Structures are given as structure tokens and as C-alpha cells.
Amino acid sequence: MIATVPSAVLHGVDGRLISVEVHVSNGLPGLTIVGLPDAAVRESRDRVRAALVSSGLPWPRRRVTVNLAPSGMKKAGAGLDLPIAIGILVASGVLDQRSVDGYAFVGELGLDGSLRGVPGIMVLADSLMAHRLVVAEENVGEARLAGGACVCAPTLTDLVARCAGRRPWVDPPVQEPTDDVDADAVDDGPMPDLTDVAGQPVARRALEVAAAGGHHLLLVGPPGGGKTLLANRLVGLLPNLGPATARQVTRIHSAAGEPTRTGQLMVRPPFRAPHHGVSAVALIGGGTATMRPGEIGLAHGGALFLDELGEFPAAVLDALRQPLEDGLVRVSRARGSITYPARVLLVAAMNPCPCGHGGPPGSCRCTPAARSRYARRLSGPLLDRFDIAVRVDLPSADDLMASSPGESSAAVADRVAAARALAAGRGVDVNADLPASSLAQWAPLDADATALLERTVRSGRLSARGLHRVHRLARTVADLDGGAPGVARCHMAEALFLRGDRSILLGEDSR
């Protein structure tokens, strides 16, 4: 007898439909799984057999063949345990095929017959919208975010009884999903506040402009200046995610197996800070059988912080160039390809040289060759993608001993929200997304600003990409200055100052 049970597996940030076909026939007893299963799927034969026996359900003393169709696609994960078990029960006559028609099954089985949750259930539920999805109790809240019908059961015994009609479907209370992201907001505790930062008026202004316009930010300075302290407070300046972005972010984190709040969309912008030993695959994604999203994908809608930027391998950093430009990651491997959103605000911090004290003559212990090697770790194209690059020097004694704290994150966040509202009126989320063709319309330059920009371009300090980036940066500065309709010379001057001279920041001129 043959039974067919619908299910799904992860592929990047999408779900792929799978038909679990089970054939029970005469022959030597045994279970064979075909259809390109990975190790976790092959091991399901032992988990499924133990779960059936522990649940008091019969194990067929016949030959059982399980085909995972389509057969040419790699299958990974333990989520196929449950559909394999249901298929065996239907094919061996314990359950009637009609009792499971219209249902799809995703879940891992414990040896005692308990149903366990699997990562990526929101993504899998999206791909199974045409069915009534059966999942473990711990997954039901996240599965319902997809918007389809979803039920659950605690054990395989309960599930069989409910499918057979001997028990009613009873679900635990779960908060219903909503498109009102404020209703999904939860108290995650106090956010790091800018009042903790002593002094640093230039760096604080750079942080505000970066948050308001979505401009990539590079902080350069000696150890102890507060670069990491400032970067960690960036996410507190960003507004909550909109409904569409919140859904995208939650899907990506679900597919990556990252913890999410049960039954709730992620409404706060994510903040990811990978160690400088991260590999290119871990940063970009695609390194597992499920083509898992990388750190830049997990930072979509929020900030990606690269501390000690000069210690990252050059090949890893250069892998960021295309995603930063397009806001998308395209990963191609022999087993397939994936594309997922990765629109992030990149914030990086680094020392000006290997010893960390590059600056005034006599303060640096590095040789010119060591300084040159250190600077070459960052390619010109990558540095060109930082709209803002500022020096963060050690705070003065007066700043450290000041009794009155600086401006709070809440006050700065209000200005950031107002600037982003102006950008939304131009059809973009942030000014950094403004197409070059629309800059003349949305960011017209006055005569003095045009003359200043032209002199800078003729000096060779700006590339063609840098020209458009500094123009967008000046638009953000103008938005923070009361939303001026055009860009004045003062706005352009501040934008050029914030963009900085990369060779000076890296200390190449200090000897």
C-alpha cells in the first residue's frame, strides 16, 4: 500500500514542498529512505521506529520504502520525522488516508513519541498555506504568523487519536498575529542609552546622521575612545520596523533557527556583531544543507556592527561589497542558489594602526610598513561605501568628569524618526536609498553648495559613487536641519566633513 503525506523543508529563507511517499510491501523487514536525504533525515528511521513503539502503535514487520519527492533536491533537517511516521501509519492501515487528507505535517519526534519543534516553521508554514498544518505545540504560535490554518498535538498518540476523530483538536492559547507592529512590541528591557557616552560631539552627530539616513558609518580611533560604546547605542536610535519589514526579518530569523518571540513579529531592528574571526560563508550565508542566511541577512532591517574592522580577513570584507550596494544577497552553490534581503546599516570600528595609537607624531609605535599593510586590509571600493567616516579620540578629563549627562537616545530618536518620515514622503525608507536620478528633484543644491561639491570632485577626493553618496548625505543633514527643501552650502560642508579623508583617518600621513 502507498501513502502520500505533504510536508516541506527549508531552502534558504524559503520553504520547498515535499511529498513523503511511503510504500509498505512484502519482503525482508526494514526501512529505506530515498530522495537525497541528509544524515538527520536518514537517522529519522530510528527515531520514528522508537516513537511508534513507545506510543503503543504497531511497527510494520514488512519492507517499508520512503521516497522524498522531488527526488533530485537535497532534504535536510529532522522536520520530516512526523510526516514519515504518519505515512507509515497510513500505508500500514492504522490510519485511513481520508483522515489525513488536507493536512500537512512538520515536526521532530522524540523517542518517547513526543512532538518537538523545528527551526524555520514560519517559512515552512508559508509554503504549506494550502493545507491545514500540524506542528508541535512549541511551534504553533510562530506557524500562525504565516496566516494559514494550524493545529498541534503534544504526542504522536494524541495526534493519531485526533486524526482518527477519537479526540477533538485542542490548541493552547496563542496570541493572534497582527499587522499592527506596535501591538506586537514587547518590553525587551532598557536599551543602551547615549547618556552613557562622555563627550564625543562629532561621533554622536555622525551616529545621528547615520541612523536618520541609513548611511554606513566608520569610526576610527585609539582604544578606549568609545567606538564600541557608540556603535552599541545605534539600535536605540532606530524606529520600529514597518509591517512588511518586520515580517521579512522574522522569516529570516526563523529560517536561521534564531530565537523569536512566540506568536509575535520582530519589531525592533536587529543588531548583529560577529567576531572578526567570522568566515565569508558565515557572514554572507549558504554554508549548510539548508543554505542558512548569514550575519548580514540576520541584520536585515537593522545594523551590522563590525568591531576591529582591521582584523577581519580582506576576502571576508570584500564579500560585503555587492550586498551593501544592492541590499540583496545572492548565494550560488552546487546544490542550488538563494536570494534574500540584506538591507543593513553597516557600522564599523577600527584602530588607525596595529598598535592603536596612530595620530600625532611620536604616539605610534608601528613601522611605516606595518601601517601600510594594515591600511591595505581595507580595499578602496569597500571604504568608498562608508558614507560617514569620523575620528573618535580619547575623551578629555573634563568630559569624563562632567556631572551632567549628554543628550539621551530618546531625544535623538525623535529627530531620526522625523527625518525618516521625510524620506518616506520621497518613496524610500531612508535617504541612502534615493536613486541617483532623483537627487536633482529631492535634493536640489544651491549655487554655493554646487560650487563646494564641484571643487571637491575636481580635487579627486570623490569617486562617482562617492559623489552621489555625499549628495544623499547632505540631504539627510538638511532633513535634520528642519527639513529644508534644498541643500545649502552648510549642509554640503557638514556632509563632506562627515565623509572624511580615509588616508588621514588611517594615519597614513602622520609620519
Protein backbone atom coordinates (compact mmCIF):
# COMPACT_ATOMS: atom_id res chain seq x y z
CA MET A 1 0.00 0.00 0.00
CA ILE A 2 1.17 3.52 -0.78
CA ALA A 3 0.51 6.67 1.29
CA THR A 4 1.40 10.28 0.44
CA VAL A 5 1.83 12.96 3.11
CA PRO A 6 2.63 16.63 2.34
CA SER A 7 5.47 18.39 4.16
CA ALA A 8 8.20 20.96 3.48
CA VAL A 9 11.91 21.55 4.02
CA LEU A 10 13.98 24.72 4.31
CA HIS A 11 15.96 26.15 1.42
CA GLY A 12 17.50 29.47 2.37
CA VAL A 13 14.65 31.68 3.56
CA ASP A 14 12.01 29.77 1.59
CA GLY A 15 10.17 26.51 2.09
CA ARG A 16 10.18 23.78 -0.52
CA LEU A 17 7.17 21.46 -0.77
CA ILE A 18 7.92 17.78 -0.19
CA SER A 19 5.72 14.76 -0.81
CA VAL A 20 6.57 11.96 1.62
CA GLU A 21 5.62 8.76 -0.22
CA VAL A 22 5.56 5.58 1.88
CA HIS A 23 5.28 2.10 0.38
CA VAL A 24 4.74 -0.97 2.60
CA SER A 25 5.20 -4.33 0.85
CA ASN A 26 6.18 -7.93 1.43
CA GLY A 27 9.88 -8.60 1.87
CA LEU A 28 12.60 -8.54 4.46
CA PRO A 29 11.59 -6.13 7.27
CA GLY A 30 13.41 -2.81 7.11
CA LEU A 31 13.07 0.87 6.37
CA THR A 32 14.78 2.57 3.43
CA ILE A 33 14.68 6.32 2.81
CA VAL A 34 15.46 7.61 -0.69
CA GLY A 35 15.30 11.06 -2.30
CA LEU A 36 18.64 12.64 -1.31
CA PRO A 37 18.18 12.65 2.49
CA ASP A 38 20.92 14.15 4.65
CA ALA A 39 22.23 12.49 7.81
CA ALA A 40 19.45 13.93 10.01
CA VAL A 41 16.76 12.59 7.67
CA ARG A 42 18.42 9.16 7.37
CA GLU A 43 18.54 8.90 11.16
CA SER A 44 14.79 9.51 11.31
CA ARG A 45 14.19 5.80 10.68
CA ASP A 46 15.47 5.06 14.20
CA ARG A 47 13.59 7.96 15.80
CA VAL A 48 10.34 7.09 14.01
CA ARG A 49 10.51 3.40 14.94
CA ALA A 50 11.21 4.16 18.61
CA ALA A 51 8.43 6.79 18.71
CA LEU A 52 5.84 4.40 17.25
CA VAL A 53 6.77 1.58 19.61
CA SER A 54 6.84 3.91 22.65
CA SER A 55 3.39 5.24 21.67
CA GLY A 56 1.89 1.76 21.54
CA LEU A 57 1.46 1.94 17.78
CA PRO A 58 2.34 -1.03 15.55
CA TRP A 59 5.57 -1.10 13.59
CA PRO A 60 5.08 -2.96 10.28
CA ARG A 61 7.07 -6.20 10.08
CA ARG A 62 7.37 -5.71 6.35
CA ARG A 63 9.55 -3.82 3.92
CA VAL A 64 9.00 -0.04 4.13
CA THR A 65 10.30 2.35 1.45
CA VAL A 66 10.08 6.11 1.94
CA ASN A 67 10.58 8.39 -1.06
CA LEU A 68 11.03 12.13 -0.54
CA ALA A 69 9.82 13.76 -3.73
CA PRO A 70 11.09 15.57 -5.71
CA SER A 71 13.98 13.14 -5.60
CA GLY A 72 16.57 15.49 -7.11
CA MET A 73 16.53 18.02 -4.25
CA LYS A 74 18.57 17.61 -1.09
CA LYS A 75 16.42 17.14 2.04
CA ALA A 76 17.75 18.26 5.41
CA GLY A 77 16.52 18.50 8.98
CA ALA A 78 14.50 16.46 11.46
CA GLY A 79 11.16 18.03 10.48
CA LEU A 80 10.36 15.07 8.22
CA ASP A 81 10.10 12.66 11.20
CA LEU A 82 6.39 13.35 11.70
CA PRO A 83 5.25 13.04 8.05
CA ILE A 84 7.26 9.80 7.71
CA ALA A 85 5.57 8.37 10.81
CA ILE A 86 2.09 9.40 9.60
CA GLY A 87 2.85 7.93 6.16
CA ILE A 88 3.86 4.61 7.70
CA LEU A 89 0.68 4.50 9.80
CA VAL A 90 -1.48 5.22 6.75
CA ALA A 91 0.35 2.79 4.48
CA SER A 92 0.12 0.02 7.10
CA GLY A 93 -3.63 0.57 7.64
CA VAL A 94 -3.54 2.04 11.16
CA LEU A 95 -4.89 5.36 9.84
CA ASP A 96 -7.26 5.91 6.94
CA GLN A 97 -5.90 8.06 4.12
CA ARG A 98 -9.04 10.20 4.23
CA SER A 99 -8.35 11.07 7.89
CA VAL A 100 -5.19 12.95 6.91
CA ASP A 101 -6.32 14.39 3.58
CA GLY A 102 -5.93 18.18 3.60
CA TYR A 103 -3.31 18.08 6.35
CA ALA A 104 0.44 18.70 6.13
CA PHE A 105 2.87 17.61 8.83
CA VAL A 106 6.16 19.10 10.08
CA GLY A 107 7.88 18.08 13.29
CA GLU A 108 10.60 16.11 15.01
CA LEU A 109 9.78 13.02 17.07
CA GLY A 110 11.29 12.15 20.41
CA LEU A 111 12.00 8.52 21.23
CA ASP A 112 9.08 8.63 23.68
CA GLY A 113 6.66 9.76 20.95
CA SER A 114 6.64 13.44 21.90
CA LEU A 115 6.42 16.10 19.17
CA ARG A 116 9.24 18.62 19.12
CA GLY A 117 9.55 21.92 17.31
CA VAL A 118 11.84 22.55 14.36
CA PRO A 119 13.54 25.75 13.17
CA GLY A 120 12.08 27.76 10.31
CA ILE A 121 8.47 26.85 11.00
CA MET A 122 7.13 30.25 9.87
CA VAL A 123 8.84 29.83 6.50
CA LEU A 124 7.62 26.23 6.16
CA ALA A 125 4.09 27.27 7.08
CA ASP A 126 4.17 29.92 4.35
CA SER A 127 4.86 27.22 1.76
CA LEU A 128 2.07 24.98 3.10
CA MET A 129 -0.75 27.56 3.10
CA ALA A 130 -2.97 25.26 1.01
CA HIS A 131 -3.04 22.69 3.84
CA ARG A 132 -4.00 22.55 7.47
CA LEU A 133 -0.59 22.34 9.10
CA VAL A 134 0.12 20.03 12.05
CA VAL A 135 3.11 21.05 14.21
CA ALA A 136 4.43 20.64 17.74
CA GLU A 137 2.90 22.81 20.45
CA GLU A 138 6.04 24.95 20.75
CA ASN A 139 5.83 25.84 17.04
CA VAL A 140 2.15 26.69 16.74
CA GLY A 141 2.50 30.38 17.63
CA GLU A 142 5.21 31.03 15.06
CA ALA A 143 3.44 28.91 12.43
CA ARG A 144 0.29 31.01 12.76
CA LEU A 145 2.25 34.13 11.81
CA ALA A 146 2.09 32.79 8.27
CA GLY A 147 -1.67 33.27 8.35
CA GLY A 148 -2.79 29.75 7.46
CA ALA A 149 -4.70 27.11 9.40
CA CYS A 150 -2.54 25.40 12.01
CA VAL A 151 -3.15 22.80 14.71
CA CYS A 152 -0.88 20.96 17.12
CA ALA A 153 -0.59 17.94 19.38
CA PRO A 154 1.74 17.13 22.28
CA THR A 155 2.45 13.50 21.38
CA LEU A 156 2.15 11.09 18.49
CA THR A 157 -0.55 9.15 20.39
CA ASP A 158 -2.69 12.28 20.74
CA LEU A 159 -2.12 13.19 17.11
CA VAL A 160 -3.27 9.79 15.83
CA ALA A 161 -6.35 9.94 18.05
CA ARG A 162 -7.23 13.41 16.76
CA CYS A 163 -6.70 12.47 13.12
CA ALA A 164 -8.90 9.39 13.63
CA GLY A 165 -11.64 11.51 15.25
CA ARG A 166 -11.40 9.88 18.67
CA ARG A 167 -10.33 13.16 20.31
CA PRO A 168 -11.06 16.79 19.41
CA TRP A 169 -8.37 19.18 18.25
CA VAL A 170 -7.47 21.37 21.23
CA ASP A 171 -4.87 24.11 20.85
CA PRO A 172 -3.07 26.06 23.55
CA PRO A 173 -3.95 29.78 23.75
CA VAL A 174 -1.71 31.71 21.37
CA GLN A 175 -1.63 35.46 20.71
CA GLU A 176 -3.03 36.06 17.27
CA PRO A 177 -0.70 37.74 14.76
CA THR A 178 -1.48 41.29 13.72
CA ASP A 179 -0.23 43.77 11.15
CA ASP A 180 -0.12 46.46 13.86
CA VAL A 181 3.54 46.22 14.78
CA ASP A 182 3.06 48.38 17.87
CA ALA A 183 0.65 45.78 19.23
CA ASP A 184 3.38 43.16 18.84
CA ALA A 185 6.01 45.25 20.58
CA VAL A 186 7.26 43.78 23.84
CA ASP A 187 9.42 45.10 26.62
CA ASP A 188 12.95 43.82 26.00
CA GLY A 189 14.36 45.76 28.91
CA PRO A 190 16.24 49.05 28.86
CA MET A 191 18.16 49.87 25.68
CA PRO A 192 21.73 51.21 25.89
CA ASP A 193 21.46 55.00 26.08
CA LEU A 194 23.60 57.78 24.64
CA THR A 195 23.74 59.39 28.05
CA ASP A 196 26.45 56.81 28.84
CA VAL A 197 28.76 58.43 26.26
CA ALA A 198 31.06 61.11 27.65
CA GLY A 199 31.80 63.93 25.21
CA GLN A 200 32.39 62.89 21.58
CA PRO A 201 30.13 65.53 19.95
CA VAL A 202 31.36 64.72 16.41
CA ALA A 203 30.87 60.97 16.81
CA ARG A 204 27.44 61.48 18.36
CA ARG A 205 26.42 63.68 15.43
CA ALA A 206 27.77 61.08 13.00
CA LEU A 207 25.71 58.40 14.74
CA GLU A 208 22.56 60.52 14.47
CA VAL A 209 23.06 61.27 10.77
CA ALA A 210 23.81 57.62 10.05
CA ALA A 211 20.62 56.48 11.81
CA ALA A 212 18.49 59.16 10.14
CA GLY A 213 19.63 58.48 6.59
CA GLY A 214 20.72 54.84 6.67
CA HIS A 215 24.32 55.83 5.87
CA HIS A 216 27.14 53.38 6.56
CA LEU A 217 29.42 54.59 9.35
CA LEU A 218 33.13 54.04 10.06
CA LEU A 219 34.57 55.02 13.45
CA VAL A 220 38.36 55.25 13.68
CA GLY A 221 40.30 55.95 16.83
CA PRO A 222 42.57 54.65 19.59
CA PRO A 223 41.44 52.05 22.15
CA GLY A 224 39.22 53.43 24.89
CA GLY A 225 37.77 56.27 22.84
CA GLY A 226 34.23 54.87 22.95
CA LYS A 227 33.83 53.46 19.43
CA THR A 228 32.14 50.25 20.56
CA LEU A 229 30.13 52.13 23.18
CA LEU A 230 28.74 54.42 20.47
CA ALA A 231 28.01 51.63 18.00
CA ASN A 232 26.08 49.62 20.58
CA ARG A 233 23.76 52.59 21.08
CA LEU A 234 22.86 52.92 17.42
CA VAL A 235 19.95 50.47 17.51
CA GLY A 236 18.28 52.59 20.21
CA LEU A 237 18.03 55.44 17.69
CA LEU A 238 16.26 53.40 15.01
CA PRO A 239 12.45 53.36 14.78
CA ASN A 240 10.41 50.16 14.93
CA LEU A 241 10.20 48.11 11.76
CA GLY A 242 7.21 48.52 9.46
CA PRO A 243 4.83 45.56 8.98
CA ALA A 244 6.41 44.32 5.74
CA THR A 245 9.98 44.57 7.03
CA ALA A 246 9.03 43.04 10.39
CA ARG A 247 7.63 40.05 8.54
CA GLN A 248 10.77 39.71 6.40
CA VAL A 249 13.04 39.93 9.43
CA THR A 250 11.02 37.36 11.36
CA ARG A 251 11.10 34.96 8.39
CA ILE A 252 14.88 35.26 8.07
CA HIS A 253 15.46 34.66 11.79
CA SER A 254 13.03 31.75 11.73
CA ALA A 255 14.82 30.16 8.76
CA ALA A 256 18.18 30.58 10.51
CA GLY A 257 16.89 28.90 13.67
CA GLU A 258 17.37 32.07 15.70
CA PRO A 259 15.10 32.53 18.75
CA THR A 260 11.98 34.60 18.15
CA ARG A 261 9.12 35.55 20.43
CA THR A 262 6.28 33.06 20.21
CA GLY A 263 3.44 34.34 18.06
CA GLN A 264 4.97 37.79 17.58
CA LEU A 265 6.76 39.54 14.76
CA MET A 266 10.16 41.06 15.41
CA VAL A 267 9.51 44.79 15.57
CA ARG A 268 12.83 46.07 16.89
CA PRO A 269 15.64 46.41 14.34
CA PRO A 270 18.15 43.57 14.79
CA PHE A 271 21.73 44.29 15.82
CA ARG A 272 24.37 41.76 14.80
CA ALA A 273 28.02 41.96 15.85
CA PRO A 274 30.02 38.97 14.54
CA HIS A 275 33.56 38.34 15.78
CA HIS A 276 36.40 39.29 13.44
CA GLY A 277 37.21 35.58 13.01
CA VAL A 278 33.94 35.05 11.11
CA SER A 279 34.23 33.30 7.74
CA ALA A 280 32.87 34.66 4.48
CA VAL A 281 30.23 31.90 4.41
CA ALA A 282 29.07 32.69 7.97
CA LEU A 283 28.86 36.37 7.09
CA ILE A 284 27.09 36.02 3.74
CA GLY A 285 25.27 32.69 4.18
CA GLY A 286 24.78 29.43 2.34
CA GLY A 287 27.15 27.23 4.32
CA THR A 288 24.75 24.43 5.30
CA ALA A 289 22.50 21.97 3.54
CA THR A 290 19.57 24.34 4.11
CA MET A 291 21.55 27.34 2.74
CA ARG A 292 21.25 29.16 6.06
CA PRO A 293 21.25 33.00 5.96
CA GLY A 294 24.42 34.68 7.16
CA GLU A 295 25.03 37.51 9.59
CA ILE A 296 24.28 40.21 7.02
CA GLY A 297 20.89 38.63 6.32
CA LEU A 298 20.13 38.36 10.03
CA ALA A 299 20.87 42.09 10.30
CA HIS A 300 18.32 42.98 7.59
CA GLY A 301 16.28 45.98 8.69
CA GLY A 302 18.79 46.83 11.41
CA ALA A 303 22.52 47.27 11.96
CA LEU A 304 25.56 45.10 11.28
CA PHE A 305 28.45 46.06 13.56
CA LEU A 306 31.98 45.01 12.64
CA ASP A 307 34.25 45.78 15.57
CA GLU A 308 38.02 45.69 14.99
CA LEU A 309 37.43 46.04 11.25
CA GLY A 310 41.15 45.91 10.50
CA GLU A 311 41.35 42.37 11.93
CA PHE A 312 38.78 40.89 9.52
CA PRO A 313 40.28 38.96 6.57
CA ALA A 314 40.27 41.08 3.41
CA ALA A 315 38.33 38.43 1.44
CA VAL A 316 35.58 38.43 4.08
CA LEU A 317 35.20 42.19 3.97
CA ASP A 318 35.16 42.33 0.18
CA ALA A 319 32.30 39.80 0.16
CA LEU A 320 30.16 42.60 1.64
CA ARG A 321 30.56 44.92 -1.33
CA GLN A 322 27.74 43.57 -3.51
CA PRO A 323 25.18 43.12 -0.68
CA LEU A 324 25.85 46.64 0.59
CA GLU A 325 25.25 48.06 -2.87
CA ASP A 326 22.16 46.03 -3.83
CA GLY A 327 20.56 45.31 -0.45
CA LEU A 328 20.33 41.65 -1.50
CA VAL A 329 22.44 38.55 -1.01
CA ARG A 330 22.71 36.13 -3.93
CA VAL A 331 24.40 32.88 -2.91
CA SER A 332 25.11 30.21 -5.52
CA ARG A 333 26.30 26.74 -4.59
CA ALA A 334 26.48 23.43 -6.43
CA ARG A 335 23.25 22.33 -4.71
CA GLY A 336 21.32 25.47 -5.64
CA SER A 337 21.09 29.21 -5.18
CA ILE A 338 19.20 31.54 -2.87
CA THR A 339 18.40 35.25 -2.76
CA TYR A 340 17.32 37.05 0.37
CA PRO A 341 17.08 40.69 1.51
CA ALA A 342 20.05 42.17 3.33
CA ARG A 343 19.45 45.91 3.57
CA VAL A 344 21.55 46.84 6.59
CA LEU A 345 23.13 49.85 8.20
CA LEU A 346 26.82 48.92 8.40
CA VAL A 347 28.74 50.31 11.35
CA ALA A 348 32.42 49.53 11.72
CA ALA A 349 35.07 50.45 14.29
CA MET A 350 38.80 50.15 13.96
CA ASN A 351 42.10 51.42 15.25
CA PRO A 352 44.11 53.72 12.98
CA CYS A 353 47.10 51.34 13.01
CA PRO A 354 48.16 47.98 14.54
CA CYS A 355 49.28 49.49 17.86
CA GLY A 356 46.08 51.51 18.01
CA HIS A 357 47.61 54.89 18.72
CA GLY A 358 48.16 56.26 15.22
CA GLY A 359 47.88 60.01 15.28
CA PRO A 360 50.30 62.72 16.42
CA PRO A 361 53.97 62.01 15.66
CA GLY A 362 55.62 60.05 18.45
CA SER A 363 52.42 58.42 19.71
CA CYS A 364 52.56 55.45 17.31
CA ARG A 365 54.98 52.53 17.68
CA CYS A 366 54.25 50.97 14.27
CA THR A 367 56.70 50.98 11.39
CA PRO A 368 55.61 52.58 8.12
CA ALA A 369 55.47 49.13 6.51
CA ALA A 370 53.19 47.80 9.26
CA ARG A 371 50.90 50.80 8.94
CA SER A 372 50.75 50.36 5.18
CA ARG A 373 49.90 46.64 5.46
CA TYR A 374 47.19 47.44 7.99
CA ALA A 375 45.61 50.10 5.75
CA ARG A 376 45.65 47.76 2.73
CA ARG A 377 43.37 45.28 4.51
CA LEU A 378 40.50 47.58 3.60
CA SER A 379 40.04 47.84 -0.14
CA GLY A 380 39.25 51.18 -1.73
CA PRO A 381 35.84 50.01 -3.03
CA LEU A 382 34.81 48.95 0.48
CA LEU A 383 35.97 52.20 2.06
CA ASP A 384 34.08 54.11 -0.64
CA ARG A 385 30.84 52.54 0.60
CA PHE A 386 31.14 54.21 4.01
CA ASP A 387 29.21 57.46 3.70
CA ILE A 388 30.50 58.65 7.08
CA ALA A 389 34.00 58.19 8.49
CA VAL A 390 34.98 60.10 11.62
CA ARG A 391 37.79 60.12 14.13
CA VAL A 392 36.95 59.13 17.72
CA ASP A 393 39.72 60.39 20.02
CA LEU A 394 40.02 59.77 23.73
CA PRO A 395 37.57 61.96 25.70
CA SER A 396 39.07 64.78 27.73
CA ALA A 397 39.25 64.77 31.52
CA ASP A 398 36.56 67.45 31.63
CA ASP A 399 34.23 65.25 29.58
CA LEU A 400 34.86 62.22 31.77
CA MET A 401 34.27 64.15 35.00
CA ALA A 402 31.24 66.11 33.78
CA SER A 403 28.28 65.72 36.13
CA SER A 404 25.55 66.38 33.55
CA PRO A 405 24.91 63.57 31.04
CA GLY A 406 24.72 64.18 27.33
CA GLU A 407 21.56 64.11 25.22
CA SER A 408 19.53 60.94 25.62
CA SER A 409 18.82 58.37 22.93
CA ALA A 410 15.10 59.16 23.14
CA ALA A 411 15.64 62.80 22.13
CA VAL A 412 17.90 61.84 19.23
CA ALA A 413 15.50 59.07 18.17
CA ASP A 414 12.71 61.65 17.79
CA ARG A 415 14.80 63.62 15.29
CA VAL A 416 15.75 60.43 13.50
CA ALA A 417 12.08 59.44 13.18
CA ALA A 418 11.19 62.89 11.80
CA ALA A 419 13.98 62.66 9.19
CA ARG A 420 12.88 59.17 8.16
CA ALA A 421 9.31 60.40 7.79
CA LEU A 422 10.56 62.98 5.28
CA ALA A 423 12.38 60.22 3.38
CA ALA A 424 9.18 58.16 3.31
CA GLY A 425 7.49 61.08 1.54
CA ARG A 426 10.06 60.64 -1.22
CA GLY A 427 9.14 56.98 -1.68
CA VAL A 428 12.12 55.44 0.17
CA ASP A 429 12.73 54.18 3.70
CA VAL A 430 15.92 56.21 4.13
CA ASN A 431 17.77 58.80 2.07
CA ALA A 432 20.59 56.35 1.37
CA ASP A 433 18.12 54.51 -0.89
CA LEU A 434 17.37 57.54 -3.08
CA PRO A 435 18.23 56.70 -6.71
CA ALA A 436 20.82 58.95 -8.31
CA SER A 437 18.31 60.01 -10.96
CA SER A 438 16.03 61.55 -8.32
CA LEU A 439 18.64 63.55 -6.40
CA ALA A 440 18.09 66.67 -8.52
CA GLN A 441 14.38 66.52 -7.62
CA TRP A 442 14.59 65.69 -3.92
CA ALA A 443 17.95 67.25 -3.02
CA PRO A 444 18.50 70.33 -5.20
CA LEU A 445 21.77 72.12 -4.49
CA ASP A 446 22.03 75.89 -4.21
CA ALA A 447 24.83 77.69 -6.06
CA ASP A 448 27.25 77.70 -3.12
CA ALA A 449 26.68 74.01 -2.36
CA THR A 450 27.21 73.16 -6.05
CA ALA A 451 30.49 75.12 -6.14
CA LEU A 452 31.76 73.41 -2.99
CA LEU A 453 30.88 69.94 -4.31
CA GLU A 454 32.49 70.70 -7.68
CA ARG A 455 35.76 71.77 -6.04
CA THR A 456 35.81 68.55 -4.03
CA VAL A 457 35.21 66.39 -7.10
CA ARG A 458 37.95 68.18 -9.06
CA SER A 459 40.38 67.59 -6.20
CA GLY A 460 39.99 63.83 -6.72
CA ARG A 461 38.62 63.14 -3.23
CA LEU A 462 35.31 61.73 -4.51
CA SER A 463 34.58 58.90 -6.92
CA ALA A 464 31.40 58.80 -8.99
CA ARG A 465 29.82 56.62 -6.32
CA GLY A 466 31.11 58.93 -3.60
CA LEU A 467 29.61 61.94 -5.39
CA HIS A 468 26.11 60.51 -5.18
CA ARG A 469 26.65 59.25 -1.64
CA VAL A 470 27.75 62.62 -0.30
CA HIS A 471 24.79 64.23 -2.08
CA ARG A 472 22.41 61.86 -0.26
CA LEU A 473 24.29 62.51 2.98
CA ALA A 474 23.79 66.27 2.55
CA ARG A 475 20.06 65.61 2.03
CA THR A 476 19.95 63.86 5.40
CA VAL A 477 21.81 66.71 7.10
CA ALA A 478 19.27 69.13 5.63
CA ASP A 479 16.40 66.94 6.88
CA LEU A 480 17.83 67.07 10.39
CA ASP A 481 18.08 70.86 10.00
CA GLY A 482 14.32 71.30 9.99
CA GLY A 483 13.67 69.58 6.66
CA ALA A 484 14.96 72.31 4.38
CA PRO A 485 13.59 71.82 0.82
CA GLY A 486 17.05 72.15 -0.73
CA VAL A 487 20.67 71.53 0.19
CA ALA A 488 22.59 74.64 1.26
CA ARG A 489 26.32 75.12 1.47
CA CYS A 490 26.34 74.46 5.24
CA HIS A 491 24.64 71.10 4.69
CA MET A 492 27.12 70.11 1.98
CA ALA A 493 30.07 71.25 4.09
CA GLU A 494 28.95 69.08 7.01
CA ALA A 495 28.37 66.13 4.68
CA LEU A 496 31.88 66.43 3.24
CA PHE A 497 33.32 66.75 6.75
CA LEU A 498 31.46 63.63 7.91
CA ARG A 499 32.58 61.68 4.86
CA GLY A 500 36.17 62.31 5.96
CA ASP A 501 39.54 61.60 4.37
CA ARG A 502 40.24 57.88 4.72
CA SER A 503 44.03 58.17 4.39
CA ILE A 504 44.18 60.70 7.23
CA LEU A 505 41.88 58.61 9.43
CA LEU A 506 44.13 55.57 8.98
CA GLY A 507 47.14 57.64 9.99
CA GLU A 508 48.99 57.31 6.69
CA ASP A 509 50.06 60.95 6.84
CA SER A 510 51.32 61.01 10.41
CA ARG A 511 54.91 60.11 9.50
